[in-house]
Structure formats: C-alpha cells, structure tokens
Amino acid sequence: MNEKISISLPSQMVDAIRSRVETGSYASTSEVMRAALRALDREEHILDQVADAKIREALEDPRSAIPADEVFDRLERLHAARVKSNSNGS
C-alpha cells in the first residue's frame, strides 16, 4: 500500500528532483525519491559490510592486543603535541 507523506527539502534538492523528471530520467518525483532511498539502502548495506569486514579483520589479527591504557596514553601525547604545534603556529 502506498502512503503519501510531506517532506521539506532545500530548493536545490527540489530543483534536482524536478530536473530529473523534466528530462525524462524519472516518471515522477515519487520515482526519484524511491530511487534515492534504494541508493541509500545500497550505500548503507555496503558500509555495514565494510564495517563487518574490518571488525572480523581486527578480531582475526594474530598480533597481540595493545592495552587500552597504552592506546589512550599515545592519543593524549599526540593530541598534546598537536595542540602545542597549533598554538605555536598562531
């Protein structure tokens, strides 16, 4: 069942939708929006797959884990160095 909804979009997006309909790329604004949502679904699916692969890769990494305290110490030192570098460059 189809359901009508009302949305607010910036004029630039509205123009892009209308242009696609006017050039015949899509039959209606609804078709443009459906295609956009399908593209968003594909993008999110790909990002999920990439994240899952990265997590699997990290879990399967044979190297020993770095203790969290060591990681945070490194990050704090890097951050302090960048802050100092930025304040000296101003």
PDB file of N, CA and C in Angstrom:
ATOM      1  N   MET A   1       0.833  -1.174   0.000  1.00  0.00           N
ATOM      2  CA  MET A   1       0.000   0.000   0.000  1.00  0.00           C
ATOM      3  C   MET A   1       0.884   1.246   0.000  1.00  0.00           C
ATOM      4  N   ASN A   2       0.559   2.192  -0.836  1.00  0.00           N
ATOM      5  CA  ASN A   2       1.300   3.447  -0.891  1.00  0.00           C
ATOM      6  C   ASN A   2       0.734   4.431   0.109  1.00  0.00           C
ATOM      7  N   GLU A   3       1.622   5.237   0.651  1.00  0.00           N
ATOM      8  CA  GLU A   3       1.214   6.253   1.617  1.00  0.00           C
ATOM      9  C   GLU A   3       1.840   7.573   1.232  1.00  0.00           C
ATOM     10  N   LYS A   4       1.061   8.630   1.257  1.00  0.00           N
ATOM     11  CA  LYS A   4       1.572   9.958   0.956  1.00  0.00           C
ATOM     12  C   LYS A   4       2.207  10.538   2.202  1.00  0.00           C
ATOM     13  N   ILE A   5       3.363  11.188   2.004  1.00  0.00           N
ATOM     14  CA  ILE A   5       3.998  11.917   3.081  1.00  0.00           C
ATOM     15  C   ILE A   5       4.388  13.288   2.556  1.00  0.00           C
ATOM     16  N   SER A   6       4.623  14.176   3.457  1.00  0.00           N
ATOM     17  CA  SER A   6       5.066  15.517   3.098  1.00  0.00           C
ATOM     18  C   SER A   6       6.429  15.740   3.723  1.00  0.00           C
ATOM     19  N   ILE A   7       7.382  16.237   2.919  1.00  0.00           N
ATOM     20  CA  ILE A   7       8.727  16.489   3.429  1.00  0.00           C
ATOM     21  C   ILE A   7       9.168  17.881   3.004  1.00  0.00           C
ATOM     22  N   SER A   8      10.100  18.430   3.720  1.00  0.00           N
ATOM     23  CA  SER A   8      10.693  19.719   3.367  1.00  0.00           C
ATOM     24  C   SER A   8      12.110  19.472   2.875  1.00  0.00           C
ATOM     25  N   LEU A   9      12.429  20.050   1.725  1.00  0.00           N
ATOM     26  CA  LEU A   9      13.763  19.911   1.153  1.00  0.00           C
ATOM     27  C   LEU A   9      14.282  21.280   0.758  1.00  0.00           C
ATOM     28  N   PRO A  10      15.595  21.451   0.773  1.00  0.00           N
ATOM     29  CA  PRO A  10      16.165  22.701   0.266  1.00  0.00           C
ATOM     30  C   PRO A  10      15.831  22.857  -1.218  1.00  0.00           C
ATOM     31  N   SER A  11      15.715  24.093  -1.664  1.00  0.00           N
ATOM     32  CA  SER A  11      15.318  24.343  -3.053  1.00  0.00           C
ATOM     33  C   SER A  11      16.265  23.680  -4.048  1.00  0.00           C
ATOM     34  N   GLN A  12      17.521  23.571  -3.716  1.00  0.00           N
ATOM     35  CA  GLN A  12      18.488  22.923  -4.612  1.00  0.00           C
ATOM     36  C   GLN A  12      18.116  21.449  -4.839  1.00  0.00           C
ATOM     37  N   MET A  13      17.689  20.765  -3.786  1.00  0.00           N
ATOM     38  CA  MET A  13      17.281  19.365  -3.931  1.00  0.00           C
ATOM     39  C   MET A  13      15.985  19.254  -4.714  1.00  0.00           C
ATOM     40  N   VAL A  14      15.059  20.162  -4.461  1.00  0.00           N
ATOM     41  CA  VAL A  14      13.796  20.160  -5.206  1.00  0.00           C
ATOM     42  C   VAL A  14      14.080  20.375  -6.691  1.00  0.00           C
ATOM     43  N   ASP A  15      14.970  21.319  -6.999  1.00  0.00           N
ATOM     44  CA  ASP A  15      15.336  21.567  -8.397  1.00  0.00           C
ATOM     45  C   ASP A  15      15.951  20.325  -9.032  1.00  0.00           C
ATOM     46  N   ALA A  16      16.787  19.610  -8.280  1.00  0.00           N
ATOM     47  CA  ALA A  16      17.427  18.400  -8.804  1.00  0.00           C
ATOM     48  C   ALA A  16      16.383  17.324  -9.089  1.00  0.00           C
ATOM     49  N   ILE A  17      15.401  17.202  -8.212  1.00  0.00           N
ATOM     50  CA  ILE A  17      14.324  16.222  -8.423  1.00  0.00           C
ATOM     51  C   ILE A  17      13.518  16.593  -9.649  1.00  0.00           C
ATOM     52  N   ARG A  18      13.098  17.851  -9.717  1.00  0.00           N
ATOM     53  CA  ARG A  18      12.284  18.307 -10.862  1.00  0.00           C
ATOM     54  C   ARG A  18      13.034  18.155 -12.170  1.00  0.00           C
ATOM     55  N   SER A  19      14.318  18.443 -12.152  1.00  0.00           N
ATOM     56  CA  SER A  19      15.129  18.314 -13.363  1.00  0.00           C
ATOM     57  C   SER A  19      15.137  16.879 -13.875  1.00  0.00           C
ATOM     58  N   ARG A  20      15.241  15.936 -12.969  1.00  0.00           N
ATOM     59  CA  ARG A  20      15.251  14.524 -13.363  1.00  0.00           C
ATOM     60  C   ARG A  20      13.913  14.108 -13.974  1.00  0.00           C
ATOM     61  N   VAL A  21      12.845  14.664 -13.454  1.00  0.00           N
ATOM     62  CA  VAL A  21      11.518  14.355 -14.010  1.00  0.00           C
ATOM     63  C   VAL A  21      11.349  15.043 -15.367  1.00  0.00           C
ATOM     64  N   GLU A  22      11.751  16.314 -15.445  1.00  0.00           N
ATOM     65  CA  GLU A  22      11.590  17.081 -16.685  1.00  0.00           C
ATOM     66  C   GLU A  22      12.409  16.513 -17.834  1.00  0.00           C
ATOM     67  N   THR A  23      13.584  15.949 -17.537  1.00  0.00           N
ATOM     68  CA  THR A  23      14.416  15.373 -18.602  1.00  0.00           C
ATOM     69  C   THR A  23      13.969  13.969 -18.980  1.00  0.00           C
ATOM     70  N   GLY A  24      13.006  13.438 -18.229  1.00  0.00           N
ATOM     71  CA  GLY A  24      12.500  12.116 -18.549  1.00  0.00           C
ATOM     72  C   GLY A  24      13.274  10.976 -17.905  1.00  0.00           C
ATOM     73  N   SER A  25      14.249  11.315 -17.067  1.00  0.00           N
ATOM     74  CA  SER A  25      15.004  10.259 -16.382  1.00  0.00           C
ATOM     75  C   SER A  25      14.106   9.464 -15.448  1.00  0.00           C
ATOM     76  N   TYR A  26      13.106  10.143 -14.893  1.00  0.00           N
ATOM     77  CA  TYR A  26      12.145   9.509 -13.988  1.00  0.00           C
ATOM     78  C   TYR A  26      10.750   9.986 -14.360  1.00  0.00           C
ATOM     79  N   ALA A  27       9.775   9.152 -14.090  1.00  0.00           N
ATOM     80  CA  ALA A  27       8.396   9.478 -14.444  1.00  0.00           C
ATOM     81  C   ALA A  27       7.748  10.455 -13.471  1.00  0.00           C
ATOM     82  N   SER A  28       8.228  10.484 -12.233  1.00  0.00           N
ATOM     83  CA  SER A  28       7.595  11.344 -11.228  1.00  0.00           C
ATOM     84  C   SER A  28       8.575  11.646 -10.102  1.00  0.00           C
ATOM     85  N   THR A  29       8.206  12.620  -9.288  1.00  0.00           N
ATOM     86  CA  THR A  29       9.036  12.917  -8.120  1.00  0.00           C
ATOM     87  C   THR A  29       9.084  11.718  -7.180  1.00  0.00           C
ATOM     88  N   SER A  30       7.980  10.973  -7.104  1.00  0.00           N
ATOM     89  CA  SER A  30       7.957   9.778  -6.259  1.00  0.00           C
ATOM     90  C   SER A  30       8.982   8.759  -6.735  1.00  0.00           C
ATOM     91  N   GLU A  31       9.110   8.593  -8.054  1.00  0.00           N
ATOM     92  CA  GLU A  31      10.103   7.662  -8.600  1.00  0.00           C
ATOM     93  C   GLU A  31      11.518   8.098  -8.246  1.00  0.00           C
ATOM     94  N   VAL A  32      11.777   9.411  -8.291  1.00  0.00           N
ATOM     95  CA  VAL A  32      13.101   9.924  -7.918  1.00  0.00           C
ATOM     96  C   VAL A  32      13.387   9.585  -6.462  1.00  0.00           C
ATOM     97  N   MET A  33      12.415   9.838  -5.599  1.00  0.00           N
ATOM     98  CA  MET A  33      12.613   9.578  -4.172  1.00  0.00           C
ATOM     99  C   MET A  33      12.781   8.087  -3.892  1.00  0.00           C
ATOM    100  N   ARG A  34      12.032   7.244  -4.587  1.00  0.00           N
ATOM    101  CA  ARG A  34      12.196   5.794  -4.399  1.00  0.00           C
ATOM    102  C   ARG A  34      13.596   5.352  -4.820  1.00  0.00           C
ATOM    103  N   ALA A  35      14.064   5.900  -5.962  1.00  0.00           N
ATOM    104  CA  ALA A  35      15.413   5.558  -6.426  1.00  0.00           C
ATOM    105  C   ALA A  35      16.464   6.048  -5.428  1.00  0.00           C
ATOM    106  N   ALA A  36      16.241   7.239  -4.863  1.00  0.00           N
ATOM    107  CA  ALA A  36      17.185   7.773  -3.887  1.00  0.00           C
ATOM    108  C   ALA A  36      17.240   6.892  -2.639  1.00  0.00           C
ATOM    109  N   LEU A  37      16.087   6.424  -2.180  1.00  0.00           N
ATOM    110  CA  LEU A  37      16.058   5.556  -0.994  1.00  0.00           C
ATOM    111  C   LEU A  37      16.699   4.202  -1.278  1.00  0.00           C
ATOM    112  N   ARG A  38      16.495   3.686  -2.496  1.00  0.00           N
ATOM    113  CA  ARG A  38      17.150   2.418  -2.848  1.00  0.00           C
ATOM    114  C   ARG A  38      18.669   2.606  -2.855  1.00  0.00           C
ATOM    115  N   ALA A  39      19.133   3.744  -3.379  1.00  0.00           N
ATOM    116  CA  ALA A  39      20.574   4.026  -3.398  1.00  0.00           C
ATOM    117  C   ALA A  39      21.112   4.157  -1.973  1.00  0.00           C
ATOM    118  N   LEU A  40      20.352   4.809  -1.110  1.00  0.00           N
ATOM    119  CA  LEU A  40      20.752   4.938   0.295  1.00  0.00           C
ATOM    120  C   LEU A  40      20.824   3.571   0.967  1.00  0.00           C
ATOM    121  N   ASP A  41      19.842   2.716   0.685  1.00  0.00           N
ATOM    122  CA  ASP A  41      19.861   1.360   1.239  1.00  0.00           C
ATOM    123  C   ASP A  41      21.102   0.596   0.783  1.00  0.00           C
ATOM    124  N   ARG A  42      21.448   0.722  -0.518  1.00  0.00           N
ATOM    125  CA  ARG A  42      22.647   0.048  -1.032  1.00  0.00           C
ATOM    126  C   ARG A  42      23.903   0.583  -0.353  1.00  0.00           C
ATOM    127  N   GLU A  43      23.987   1.892  -0.211  1.00  0.00           N
ATOM    128  CA  GLU A  43      25.158   2.510   0.422  1.00  0.00           C
ATOM    129  C   GLU A  43      25.301   2.049   1.867  1.00  0.00           C
ATOM    130  N   GLU A  44      24.200   2.053   2.608  1.00  0.00           N
ATOM    131  CA  GLU A  44      24.255   1.611   3.998  1.00  0.00           C
ATOM    132  C   GLU A  44      24.638   0.138   4.099  1.00  0.00           C
ATOM    133  N   HIS A  45      24.133  -0.682   3.176  1.00  0.00           N
ATOM    134  CA  HIS A  45      24.473  -2.106   3.163  1.00  0.00           C
ATOM    135  C   HIS A  45      25.973  -2.285   2.923  1.00  0.00           C
ATOM    136  N   ILE A  46      26.517  -1.530   1.979  1.00  0.00           N
ATOM    137  CA  ILE A  46      27.952  -1.619   1.687  1.00  0.00           C
ATOM    138  C   ILE A  46      28.767  -1.171   2.891  1.00  0.00           C
ATOM    139  N   LEU A  47      28.356  -0.070   3.533  1.00  0.00           N
ATOM    140  CA  LEU A  47      29.079   0.404   4.714  1.00  0.00           C
ATOM    141  C   LEU A  47      29.026  -0.620   5.839  1.00  0.00           C
ATOM    142  N   ASP A  48      27.879  -1.274   5.999  1.00  0.00           N
ATOM    143  CA  ASP A  48      27.769  -2.339   7.010  1.00  0.00           C
ATOM    144  C   ASP A  48      28.724  -3.485   6.695  1.00  0.00           C
ATOM    145  N   GLN A  49      28.806  -3.861   5.411  1.00  0.00           N
ATOM    146  CA  GLN A  49      29.705  -4.944   5.018  1.00  0.00           C
ATOM    147  C   GLN A  49      31.163  -4.570   5.287  1.00  0.00           C
ATOM    148  N   VAL A  50      31.521  -3.320   4.974  1.00  0.00           N
ATOM    149  CA  VAL A  50      32.893  -2.855   5.209  1.00  0.00           C
ATOM    150  C   VAL A  50      33.201  -2.875   6.702  1.00  0.00           C
ATOM    151  N   ALA A  51      32.271  -2.370   7.512  1.00  0.00           N
ATOM    152  CA  ALA A  51      32.482  -2.360   8.964  1.00  0.00           C
ATOM    153  C   ALA A  51      32.616  -3.782   9.495  1.00  0.00           C
ATOM    154  N   ASP A  52      31.744  -4.680   9.041  1.00  0.00           N
ATOM    155  CA  ASP A  52      31.832  -6.080   9.472  1.00  0.00           C
ATOM    156  C   ASP A  52      33.177  -6.698   9.089  1.00  0.00           C
ATOM    157  N   ALA A  53      33.633  -6.412   7.879  1.00  0.00           N
ATOM    158  CA  ALA A  53      34.919  -6.955   7.427  1.00  0.00           C
ATOM    159  C   ALA A  53      36.062  -6.415   8.273  1.00  0.00           C
ATOM    160  N   LYS A  54      36.021  -5.122   8.588  1.00  0.00           N
ATOM    161  CA  LYS A  54      37.075  -4.520   9.415  1.00  0.00           C
ATOM    162  C   LYS A  54      37.069  -5.126  10.821  1.00  0.00           C
ATOM    163  N   ILE A  55      35.889  -5.345  11.364  1.00  0.00           N
ATOM    164  CA  ILE A  55      35.796  -5.952  12.700  1.00  0.00           C
ATOM    165  C   ILE A  55      36.340  -7.371  12.675  1.00  0.00           C
ATOM    166  N   ARG A  56      35.941  -8.147  11.651  1.00  0.00           N
ATOM    167  CA  ARG A  56      36.453  -9.524  11.527  1.00  0.00           C
ATOM    168  C   ARG A  56      37.969  -9.520  11.395  1.00  0.00           C
ATOM    169  N   GLU A  57      38.476  -8.597  10.563  1.00  0.00           N
ATOM    170  CA  GLU A  57      39.917  -8.492  10.350  1.00  0.00           C
ATOM    171  C   GLU A  57      40.632  -8.191  11.670  1.00  0.00           C
ATOM    172  N   ALA A  58      40.070  -7.284  12.443  1.00  0.00           N
ATOM    173  CA  ALA A  58      40.684  -6.937  13.727  1.00  0.00           C
ATOM    174  C   ALA A  58      40.639  -8.106  14.695  1.00  0.00           C
ATOM    175  N   LEU A  59      39.524  -8.810  14.736  1.00  0.00           N
ATOM    176  CA  LEU A  59      39.391  -9.946  15.655  1.00  0.00           C
ATOM    177  C   LEU A  59      40.297 -11.104  15.268  1.00  0.00           C
ATOM    178  N   GLU A  60      40.556 -11.240  13.971  1.00  0.00           N
ATOM    179  CA  GLU A  60      41.385 -12.346  13.488  1.00  0.00           C
ATOM    180  C   GLU A  60      42.866 -11.980  13.428  1.00  0.00           C
ATOM    181  N   ASP A  61      43.203 -10.738  13.755  1.00  0.00           N
ATOM    182  CA  ASP A  61      44.593 -10.286  13.702  1.00  0.00           C
ATOM    183  C   ASP A  61      45.410 -11.082  14.718  1.00  0.00           C
ATOM    184  N   PRO A  62      46.465 -11.774  14.257  1.00  0.00           N
ATOM    185  CA  PRO A  62      47.237 -12.620  15.166  1.00  0.00           C
ATOM    186  C   PRO A  62      48.156 -11.839  16.108  1.00  0.00           C
ATOM    187  N   ARG A  63      48.360 -10.563  15.824  1.00  0.00           N
ATOM    188  CA  ARG A  63      49.231  -9.771  16.705  1.00  0.00           C
ATOM    189  C   ARG A  63      48.568  -9.593  18.066  1.00  0.00           C
ATOM    190  N   SER A  64      49.405  -9.414  19.071  1.00  0.00           N
ATOM    191  CA  SER A  64      48.851  -9.234  20.413  1.00  0.00           C
ATOM    192  C   SER A  64      48.163  -7.878  20.517  1.00  0.00           C
ATOM    193  N   ALA A  65      47.171  -7.829  21.367  1.00  0.00           N
ATOM    194  CA  ALA A  65      46.395  -6.611  21.551  1.00  0.00           C
ATOM    195  C   ALA A  65      47.226  -5.564  22.279  1.00  0.00           C
ATOM    196  N   ILE A  66      46.920  -4.297  22.013  1.00  0.00           N
ATOM    197  CA  ILE A  66      47.573  -3.198  22.718  1.00  0.00           C
ATOM    198  C   ILE A  66      46.657  -2.826  23.880  1.00  0.00           C
ATOM    199  N   PRO A  67      47.190  -2.783  25.076  1.00  0.00           N
ATOM    200  CA  PRO A  67      46.353  -2.426  26.225  1.00  0.00           C
ATOM    201  C   PRO A  67      45.719  -1.042  26.039  1.00  0.00           C
ATOM    202  N   ALA A  68      44.487  -0.899  26.479  1.00  0.00           N
ATOM    203  CA  ALA A  68      43.741   0.346  26.304  1.00  0.00           C
ATOM    204  C   ALA A  68      44.483   1.526  26.926  1.00  0.00           C
ATOM    205  N   ASP A  69      45.083   1.334  28.093  1.00  0.00           N
ATOM    206  CA  ASP A  69      45.813   2.425  28.745  1.00  0.00           C
ATOM    207  C   ASP A  69      46.934   2.949  27.850  1.00  0.00           C
ATOM    208  N   GLU A  70      47.615   2.041  27.174  1.00  0.00           N
ATOM    209  CA  GLU A  70      48.701   2.437  26.279  1.00  0.00           C
ATOM    210  C   GLU A  70      48.154   3.220  25.086  1.00  0.00           C
ATOM    211  N   VAL A  71      47.042   2.773  24.549  1.00  0.00           N
ATOM    212  CA  VAL A  71      46.423   3.470  23.417  1.00  0.00           C
ATOM    213  C   VAL A  71      46.028   4.884  23.826  1.00  0.00           C
ATOM    214  N   PHE A  72      45.368   5.021  24.978  1.00  0.00           N
ATOM    215  CA  PHE A  72      44.949   6.342  25.435  1.00  0.00           C
ATOM    216  C   PHE A  72      46.140   7.238  25.736  1.00  0.00           C
ATOM    217  N   ASP A  73      47.211   6.674  26.296  1.00  0.00           N
ATOM    218  CA  ASP A  73      48.427   7.462  26.534  1.00  0.00           C
ATOM    219  C   ASP A  73      48.982   8.002  25.224  1.00  0.00           C
ATOM    220  N   ARG A  74      49.039   7.142  24.197  1.00  0.00           N
ATOM    221  CA  ARG A  74      49.528   7.577  22.886  1.00  0.00           C
ATOM    222  C   ARG A  74      48.653   8.694  22.326  1.00  0.00           C
ATOM    223  N   LEU A  75      47.340   8.503  22.414  1.00  0.00           N
ATOM    224  CA  LEU A  75      46.418   9.513  21.893  1.00  0.00           C
ATOM    225  C   LEU A  75      46.569  10.841  22.632  1.00  0.00           C
ATOM    226  N   GLU A  76      46.712  10.776  23.939  1.00  0.00           N
ATOM    227  CA  GLU A  76      46.870  12.010  24.716  1.00  0.00           C
ATOM    228  C   GLU A  76      48.164  12.730  24.345  1.00  0.00           C
ATOM    229  N   ARG A  77      49.241  11.976  24.129  1.00  0.00           N
ATOM    230  CA  ARG A  77      50.503  12.596  23.724  1.00  0.00           C
ATOM    231  C   ARG A  77      50.382  13.219  22.334  1.00  0.00           C
ATOM    232  N   LEU A  78      49.739  12.504  21.406  1.00  0.00           N
ATOM    233  CA  LEU A  78      49.538  13.053  20.061  1.00  0.00           C
ATOM    234  C   LEU A  78      48.703  14.322  20.109  1.00  0.00           C
ATOM    235  N   HIS A  79      47.640  14.292  20.884  1.00  0.00           N
ATOM    236  CA  HIS A  79      46.768  15.455  20.998  1.00  0.00           C
ATOM    237  C   HIS A  79      47.526  16.641  21.603  1.00  0.00           C
ATOM    238  N   ALA A  80      48.276  16.399  22.659  1.00  0.00           N
ATOM    239  CA  ALA A  80      49.038  17.469  23.297  1.00  0.00           C
ATOM    240  C   ALA A  80      50.051  18.066  22.321  1.00  0.00           C
ATOM    241  N   ALA A  81      50.701  17.227  21.532  1.00  0.00           N
ATOM    242  CA  ALA A  81      51.678  17.712  20.553  1.00  0.00           C
ATOM    243  C   ALA A  81      50.997  18.565  19.486  1.00  0.00           C
ATOM    244  N   ARG A  82      49.814  18.154  19.035  1.00  0.00           N
ATOM    245  CA  ARG A  82      49.099  18.937  18.022  1.00  0.00           C
ATOM    246  C   ARG A  82      48.617  20.267  18.582  1.00  0.00           C
ATOM    247  N   VAL A  83      48.133  20.250  19.813  1.00  0.00           N
ATOM    248  CA  VAL A  83      47.676  21.488  20.442  1.00  0.00           C
ATOM    249  C   VAL A  83      48.857  22.447  20.573  1.00  0.00           C
ATOM    250  N   LYS A  84      49.992  21.926  21.017  1.00  0.00           N
ATOM    251  CA  LYS A  84      51.188  22.755  21.171  1.00  0.00           C
ATOM    252  C   LYS A  84      51.640  23.292  19.822  1.00  0.00           C
ATOM    253  N   SER A  85      51.633  22.449  18.808  1.00  0.00           N
ATOM    254  CA  SER A  85      52.033  22.856  17.462  1.00  0.00           C
ATOM    255  C   SER A  85      51.116  23.944  16.919  1.00  0.00           C
ATOM    256  N   ASN A  86      49.809  23.785  17.147  1.00  0.00           N
ATOM    257  CA  ASN A  86      48.851  24.789  16.657  1.00  0.00           C
ATOM    258  C   ASN A  86      48.975  26.101  17.407  1.00  0.00           C
ATOM    259  N   SER A  87      49.276  26.043  18.709  1.00  0.00           N
ATOM    260  CA  SER A  87      49.394  27.292  19.477  1.00  0.00           C
ATOM    261  C   SER A  87      50.691  28.026  19.139  1.00  0.00           C
ATOM    262  N   ASN A  88      51.731  27.291  18.754  1.00  0.00           N
ATOM    263  CA  ASN A  88      52.982  27.925  18.351  1.00  0.00           C
ATOM    264  C   ASN A  88      52.891  28.534  16.968  1.00  0.00           C
ATOM    265  N   GLY A  89      52.024  27.970  16.139  1.00  0.00           N
ATOM    266  CA  GLY A  89      51.896  28.458  14.765  1.00  0.00           C
ATOM    267  C   GLY A  89      50.983  29.658  14.639  1.00  0.00           C
ATOM    268  N   SER A  90      50.254  29.996  15.702  1.00  0.00           N
ATOM    269  CA  SER A  90      49.293  31.107  15.638  1.00  0.00           C
ATOM    270  C   SER A  90      49.939  32.437  15.796  1.00  0.00           C
TER     271      SER A  90
END
